[in-house]
């Protein structure tokens, strides 16, 4: 049993029960549990891509984690409509580790199991402040590879980056981007669809 003392002329020990000490300690013991319960869980989802290959992707509270490998990290993987809305271009970027020098960057859409769709083939990539940026050739409304834009659900597109450095080493990165239907709806309306 713990005892504490009062100061003063008639000081006598004050007894505390073990229960009162436990009640004070209980919140301190539970604090780590409370703090970890605030963290969103990460979910690993295995997605089948072109050729039947299964690739794991990590999803957290903010969506899919960016694609990463060997110090490279995807920063951008989106499509942007042209001014008239009849074409789209894909825009990509990634950060590179210090001292990286690349001789080629290839980006393909590998979402469909049947065939990959090449989007960027940069044979003279430049890193500016450690960032590479690339844009695809335009794709017109009605292109068979854009059929997914006509679906009325969120679409997940998987992009495969193949980076070749000056030493001949190849780094492969898989990145998933979600396109909510409201984004696709704006594109569809420019293409003449009413949904």
C-alpha atoms as a PDB file:
ATOM      1  CA  UNK A   1       0.000   0.000   0.000  1.00  0.00           C
ATOM      2  CA  UNK A   2       1.302   3.443  -0.898  1.00  0.00           C
ATOM      3  CA  UNK A   3       1.493   6.190   1.678  1.00  0.00           C
ATOM      4  CA  UNK A   4       2.006   9.899   1.221  1.00  0.00           C
ATOM      5  CA  UNK A   5       2.522  12.491   3.897  1.00  0.00           C
ATOM      6  CA  UNK A   6       0.914  15.814   4.647  1.00  0.00           C
ATOM      7  CA  UNK A   7       3.139  18.648   5.693  1.00  0.00           C
ATOM      8  CA  UNK A   8       2.202  20.445   8.831  1.00  0.00           C
ATOM      9  CA  UNK A   9       2.352  20.210  12.607  1.00  0.00           C
ATOM     10  CA  UNK A  10      -0.039  17.294  12.875  1.00  0.00           C
ATOM     11  CA  UNK A  11       1.292  15.440   9.853  1.00  0.00           C
ATOM     12  CA  UNK A  12       0.022  11.923   9.640  1.00  0.00           C
ATOM     13  CA  UNK A  13       0.298   9.500   6.795  1.00  0.00           C
ATOM     14  CA  UNK A  14      -2.555   9.454   4.312  1.00  0.00           C
ATOM     15  CA  UNK A  15      -3.260   6.017   2.995  1.00  0.00           C
ATOM     16  CA  UNK A  16      -4.283   5.480  -0.619  1.00  0.00           C
ATOM     17  CA  UNK A  17      -5.806   2.318  -1.785  1.00  0.00           C
ATOM     18  CA  UNK A  18      -4.226   0.351  -4.613  1.00  0.00           C
ATOM     19  CA  UNK A  19      -7.441   0.971  -6.540  1.00  0.00           C
ATOM     20  CA  UNK A  20      -6.926   4.765  -6.638  1.00  0.00           C
ATOM     21  CA  UNK A  21      -3.380   4.298  -7.984  1.00  0.00           C
ATOM     22  CA  UNK A  22      -4.651   1.881 -10.609  1.00  0.00           C
ATOM     23  CA  UNK A  23      -7.324   4.325 -11.735  1.00  0.00           C
ATOM     24  CA  UNK A  24      -4.649   6.955 -12.321  1.00  0.00           C
ATOM     25  CA  UNK A  25      -2.386   4.522 -14.166  1.00  0.00           C
ATOM     26  CA  UNK A  26      -5.130   3.029 -16.321  1.00  0.00           C
ATOM     27  CA  UNK A  27      -5.443   6.009 -18.720  1.00  0.00           C
ATOM     28  CA  UNK A  28      -1.657   6.098 -19.095  1.00  0.00           C
ATOM     29  CA  UNK A  29      -1.573   2.420 -19.963  1.00  0.00           C
ATOM     30  CA  UNK A  30      -4.399   2.822 -22.483  1.00  0.00           C
ATOM     31  CA  UNK A  31      -2.896   5.905 -24.145  1.00  0.00           C
ATOM     32  CA  UNK A  32      -0.820   3.941 -26.679  1.00  0.00           C
ATOM     33  CA  UNK A  33      -3.898   1.939 -27.637  1.00  0.00           C
ATOM     34  CA  UNK A  34      -5.950   5.093 -28.086  1.00  0.00           C
ATOM     35  CA  UNK A  35      -3.279   6.739 -30.212  1.00  0.00           C
ATOM     36  CA  UNK A  36      -2.810   3.742 -32.483  1.00  0.00           C
ATOM     37  CA  UNK A  37      -6.541   3.377 -32.989  1.00  0.00           C
ATOM     38  CA  UNK A  38      -6.569   6.870 -34.564  1.00  0.00           C
ATOM     39  CA  UNK A  39      -4.282   5.712 -37.361  1.00  0.00           C
ATOM     40  CA  UNK A  40      -6.125   4.460 -40.417  1.00  0.00           C
ATOM     41  CA  UNK A  41      -5.316   0.903 -41.360  1.00  0.00           C
ATOM     42  CA  UNK A  42      -3.526   0.196 -44.568  1.00  0.00           C
ATOM     43  CA  UNK A  43      -5.041  -2.324 -46.921  1.00  0.00           C
ATOM     44  CA  UNK A  44      -3.039  -4.263 -49.462  1.00  0.00           C
ATOM     45  CA  UNK A  45      -5.039  -5.142 -52.548  1.00  0.00           C
ATOM     46  CA  UNK A  46      -3.738  -7.482 -55.234  1.00  0.00           C
ATOM     47  CA  UNK A  47      -4.769  -6.380 -58.713  1.00  0.00           C
ATOM     48  CA  UNK A  48      -4.408  -8.395 -61.912  1.00  0.00           C
ATOM     49  CA  UNK A  49      -2.867  -6.417 -64.768  1.00  0.00           C
ATOM     50  CA  UNK A  50      -1.879  -7.008 -68.392  1.00  0.00           C
ATOM     51  CA  UNK A  51      -0.689 -10.538 -69.027  1.00  0.00           C
ATOM     52  CA  UNK A  52      -2.324 -11.881 -65.859  1.00  0.00           C
ATOM     53  CA  UNK A  53       0.387 -10.573 -63.550  1.00  0.00           C
ATOM     54  CA  UNK A  54      -0.819  -9.868 -59.993  1.00  0.00           C
ATOM     55  CA  UNK A  55       0.572  -6.698 -58.385  1.00  0.00           C
ATOM     56  CA  UNK A  56       0.017  -5.646 -54.746  1.00  0.00           C
ATOM     57  CA  UNK A  57      -1.027  -2.037 -54.060  1.00  0.00           C
ATOM     58  CA  UNK A  58      -1.280  -0.364 -50.662  1.00  0.00           C
ATOM     59  CA  UNK A  59      -4.310   1.796 -49.899  1.00  0.00           C
ATOM     60  CA  UNK A  60      -4.562   4.086 -46.864  1.00  0.00           C
ATOM     61  CA  UNK A  61      -6.889   6.807 -45.656  1.00  0.00           C
ATOM     62  CA  UNK A  62      -5.958   9.056 -48.604  1.00  0.00           C
ATOM     63  CA  UNK A  63      -6.262   6.390 -51.270  1.00  0.00           C
ATOM     64  CA  UNK A  64      -3.527   4.473 -53.040  1.00  0.00           C
ATOM     65  CA  UNK A  65       0.058   4.958 -51.951  1.00  0.00           C
ATOM     66  CA  UNK A  66       2.249   6.392 -54.733  1.00  0.00           C
ATOM     67  CA  UNK A  67       4.289   3.946 -56.781  1.00  0.00           C
ATOM     68  CA  UNK A  68       7.872   3.700 -55.477  1.00  0.00           C
ATOM     69  CA  UNK A  69      11.023   1.742 -56.267  1.00  0.00           C
ATOM     70  CA  UNK A  70      14.777   2.251 -55.859  1.00  0.00           C
ATOM     71  CA  UNK A  71      14.391   5.839 -54.617  1.00  0.00           C
ATOM     72  CA  UNK A  72      11.994   6.903 -57.397  1.00  0.00           C
ATOM     73  CA  UNK A  73       8.437   7.977 -56.503  1.00  0.00           C
ATOM     74  CA  UNK A  74       5.510   8.750 -58.805  1.00  0.00           C
ATOM     75  CA  UNK A  75       4.135  12.237 -58.171  1.00  0.00           C
ATOM     76  CA  UNK A  76       1.603  12.655 -61.001  1.00  0.00           C
ATOM     77  CA  UNK A  77      -0.395  10.243 -63.153  1.00  0.00           C
ATOM     78  CA  UNK A  78      -3.528  11.913 -64.539  1.00  0.00           C
ATOM     79  CA  UNK A  79      -5.303  12.727 -67.748  1.00  0.00           C
ATOM     80  CA  UNK A  80      -6.016  16.280 -68.834  1.00  0.00           C
ATOM     81  CA  UNK A  81      -8.574  17.318 -71.462  1.00  0.00           C
ATOM     82  CA  UNK A  82      -7.688  19.644 -74.337  1.00  0.00           C
ATOM     83  CA  UNK A  83      -9.291  23.090 -74.512  1.00  0.00           C
ATOM     84  CA  UNK A  84     -12.096  21.856 -76.763  1.00  0.00           C
ATOM     85  CA  UNK A  85     -12.449  18.710 -74.638  1.00  0.00           C
ATOM     86  CA  UNK A  86     -12.230  16.364 -77.637  1.00  0.00           C
ATOM     87  CA  UNK A  87      -8.777  15.036 -76.771  1.00  0.00           C
ATOM     88  CA  UNK A  88      -7.013  14.025 -73.614  1.00  0.00           C
ATOM     89  CA  UNK A  89      -3.341  13.754 -72.774  1.00  0.00           C
ATOM     90  CA  UNK A  90      -1.874  11.820 -69.906  1.00  0.00           C
ATOM     91  CA  UNK A  91       0.567  13.684 -67.709  1.00  0.00           C
ATOM     92  CA  UNK A  92       3.125  11.898 -65.538  1.00  0.00           C
ATOM     93  CA  UNK A  93       5.914  12.887 -63.188  1.00  0.00           C
ATOM     94  CA  UNK A  94       8.182  11.237 -60.658  1.00  0.00           C
ATOM     95  CA  UNK A  95      10.965  12.243 -58.313  1.00  0.00           C
ATOM     96  CA  UNK A  96      14.385  10.649 -58.654  1.00  0.00           C
ATOM     97  CA  UNK A  97      17.088   9.897 -56.108  1.00  0.00           C
ATOM     98  CA  UNK A  98      20.076  12.255 -55.910  1.00  0.00           C
ATOM     99  CA  UNK A  99      22.567  11.677 -58.693  1.00  0.00           C
ATOM    100  CA  UNK A 100      20.151   9.734 -60.913  1.00  0.00           C
ATOM    101  CA  UNK A 101      20.721   9.935 -64.660  1.00  0.00           C
ATOM    102  CA  UNK A 102      18.248   8.288 -67.022  1.00  0.00           C
ATOM    103  CA  UNK A 103      18.496   7.254 -70.671  1.00  0.00           C
ATOM    104  CA  UNK A 104      14.872   6.191 -71.155  1.00  0.00           C
ATOM    105  CA  UNK A 105      11.452   6.467 -69.518  1.00  0.00           C
ATOM    106  CA  UNK A 106       8.492   4.418 -70.703  1.00  0.00           C
ATOM    107  CA  UNK A 107       4.979   4.606 -69.275  1.00  0.00           C
ATOM    108  CA  UNK A 108       2.137   2.264 -70.225  1.00  0.00           C
ATOM    109  CA  UNK A 109      -1.423   1.719 -69.057  1.00  0.00           C
ATOM    110  CA  UNK A 110      -1.483  -1.926 -67.930  1.00  0.00           C
ATOM    111  CA  UNK A 111      -4.984  -1.950 -66.447  1.00  0.00           C
ATOM    112  CA  UNK A 112      -6.555  -4.261 -69.013  1.00  0.00           C
ATOM    113  CA  UNK A 113      -5.452  -7.890 -68.943  1.00  0.00           C
ATOM    114  CA  UNK A 114      -5.524  -8.214 -72.740  1.00  0.00           C
ATOM    115  CA  UNK A 115      -2.915  -5.630 -73.761  1.00  0.00           C
ATOM    116  CA  UNK A 116      -0.832  -2.758 -72.430  1.00  0.00           C
ATOM    117  CA  UNK A 117      -1.326   0.695 -73.946  1.00  0.00           C
ATOM    118  CA  UNK A 118       1.978   2.563 -74.454  1.00  0.00           C
ATOM    119  CA  UNK A 119       1.578   6.205 -73.422  1.00  0.00           C
ATOM    120  CA  UNK A 120       5.070   7.733 -73.117  1.00  0.00           C
ATOM    121  CA  UNK A 121       8.411   6.694 -74.595  1.00  0.00           C
ATOM    122  CA  UNK A 122      10.978   9.348 -73.674  1.00  0.00           C
ATOM    123  CA  UNK A 123      14.361   8.447 -75.198  1.00  0.00           C
ATOM    124  CA  UNK A 124      16.024  11.614 -73.864  1.00  0.00           C
ATOM    125  CA  UNK A 125      14.593  12.121 -70.367  1.00  0.00           C
ATOM    126  CA  UNK A 126      15.630  15.189 -68.406  1.00  0.00           C
ATOM    127  CA  UNK A 127      15.491  15.539 -64.648  1.00  0.00           C
ATOM    128  CA  UNK A 128      14.882  19.102 -63.513  1.00  0.00           C
ATOM    129  CA  UNK A 129      15.486  19.593 -59.789  1.00  0.00           C
ATOM    130  CA  UNK A 130      15.215  15.812 -59.429  1.00  0.00           C
ATOM    131  CA  UNK A 131      11.808  15.612 -61.176  1.00  0.00           C
ATOM    132  CA  UNK A 132      10.941  14.026 -64.525  1.00  0.00           C
ATOM    133  CA  UNK A 133       7.784  15.109 -66.357  1.00  0.00           C
ATOM    134  CA  UNK A 134       6.242  13.579 -69.422  1.00  0.00           C
ATOM    135  CA  UNK A 135       3.079  13.905 -71.475  1.00  0.00           C
ATOM    136  CA  UNK A 136       1.459  11.406 -73.811  1.00  0.00           C
ATOM    137  CA  UNK A 137       0.367  12.012 -77.377  1.00  0.00           C
ATOM    138  CA  UNK A 138      -3.270  13.162 -77.555  1.00  0.00           C
ATOM    139  CA  UNK A 139      -6.019  10.564 -77.599  1.00  0.00           C
ATOM    140  CA  UNK A 140      -9.330  11.488 -79.202  1.00  0.00           C
ATOM    141  CA  UNK A 141     -12.824  10.911 -77.916  1.00  0.00           C
ATOM    142  CA  UNK A 142     -14.025   7.516 -79.094  1.00  0.00           C
ATOM    143  CA  UNK A 143     -10.545   5.931 -78.985  1.00  0.00           C
ATOM    144  CA  UNK A 144     -10.986   2.265 -78.046  1.00  0.00           C
ATOM    145  CA  UNK A 145      -8.479   2.657 -75.188  1.00  0.00           C
ATOM    146  CA  UNK A 146     -10.712   5.264 -73.573  1.00  0.00           C
ATOM    147  CA  UNK A 147     -13.801   3.053 -73.249  1.00  0.00           C
ATOM    148  CA  UNK A 148     -13.304   3.091 -69.449  1.00  0.00           C
ATOM    149  CA  UNK A 149     -14.223   6.802 -69.384  1.00  0.00           C
ATOM    150  CA  UNK A 150     -17.794   5.786 -70.354  1.00  0.00           C
ATOM    151  CA  UNK A 151     -18.286   3.618 -67.251  1.00  0.00           C
ATOM    152  CA  UNK A 152     -20.392   5.136 -64.457  1.00  0.00           C
ATOM    153  CA  UNK A 153     -18.201   4.130 -61.535  1.00  0.00           C
ATOM    154  CA  UNK A 154     -14.819   5.117 -60.210  1.00  0.00           C
ATOM    155  CA  UNK A 155     -12.142   3.695 -62.500  1.00  0.00           C
ATOM    156  CA  UNK A 156      -8.763   2.508 -61.279  1.00  0.00           C
ATOM    157  CA  UNK A 157      -6.035   2.782 -63.900  1.00  0.00           C
ATOM    158  CA  UNK A 158      -2.666   1.139 -63.405  1.00  0.00           C
ATOM    159  CA  UNK A 159       0.420   2.681 -64.944  1.00  0.00           C
ATOM    160  CA  UNK A 160       3.703   0.846 -65.440  1.00  0.00           C
ATOM    161  CA  UNK A 161       6.838   3.000 -65.424  1.00  0.00           C
ATOM    162  CA  UNK A 162      10.052   1.490 -66.806  1.00  0.00           C
ATOM    163  CA  UNK A 163      13.095   3.648 -66.076  1.00  0.00           C
ATOM    164  CA  UNK A 164      16.513   2.879 -67.530  1.00  0.00           C
ATOM    165  CA  UNK A 165      19.539   4.625 -66.051  1.00  0.00           C
ATOM    166  CA  UNK A 166      22.921   5.362 -67.642  1.00  0.00           C
ATOM    167  CA  UNK A 167      24.393   2.175 -66.118  1.00  0.00           C
ATOM    168  CA  UNK A 168      21.728   0.117 -67.921  1.00  0.00           C
ATOM    169  CA  UNK A 169      19.845  -0.709 -64.718  1.00  0.00           C
ATOM    170  CA  UNK A 170      16.063  -0.909 -65.141  1.00  0.00           C
ATOM    171  CA  UNK A 171      13.602   0.162 -62.433  1.00  0.00           C
ATOM    172  CA  UNK A 172       9.947  -0.804 -62.715  1.00  0.00           C
ATOM    173  CA  UNK A 173       7.223   1.057 -60.843  1.00  0.00           C
ATOM    174  CA  UNK A 174       3.514   0.287 -60.761  1.00  0.00           C
ATOM    175  CA  UNK A 175       1.200   3.149 -59.845  1.00  0.00           C
ATOM    176  CA  UNK A 176      -2.577   3.182 -59.487  1.00  0.00           C
ATOM    177  CA  UNK A 177      -4.737   6.275 -60.046  1.00  0.00           C
ATOM    178  CA  UNK A 178      -8.440   6.498 -59.222  1.00  0.00           C
ATOM    179  CA  UNK A 179     -10.693   8.512 -61.528  1.00  0.00           C
ATOM    180  CA  UNK A 180     -14.003   9.257 -59.770  1.00  0.00           C
ATOM    181  CA  UNK A 181     -17.094   9.223 -61.965  1.00  0.00           C
ATOM    182  CA  UNK A 182     -17.695  12.970 -61.539  1.00  0.00           C
ATOM    183  CA  UNK A 183     -14.337  13.616 -63.259  1.00  0.00           C
ATOM    184  CA  UNK A 184     -15.161  11.199 -66.074  1.00  0.00           C
ATOM    185  CA  UNK A 185     -18.653  12.690 -66.365  1.00  0.00           C
ATOM    186  CA  UNK A 186     -17.195  16.096 -67.267  1.00  0.00           C
ATOM    187  CA  UNK A 187     -15.156  14.453 -70.012  1.00  0.00           C
ATOM    188  CA  UNK A 188     -18.109  12.398 -71.285  1.00  0.00           C
ATOM    189  CA  UNK A 189     -20.275  15.532 -71.545  1.00  0.00           C
ATOM    190  CA  UNK A 190     -17.611  17.207 -73.704  1.00  0.00           C
ATOM    191  CA  UNK A 191     -17.726  14.081 -75.874  1.00  0.00           C
ATOM    192  CA  UNK A 192     -21.485  14.408 -76.313  1.00  0.00           C
ATOM    193  CA  UNK A 193     -22.714  11.881 -73.723  1.00  0.00           C
ATOM    194  CA  UNK A 194     -25.507  13.011 -71.388  1.00  0.00           C
ATOM    195  CA  UNK A 195     -24.567  11.092 -68.244  1.00  0.00           C
END
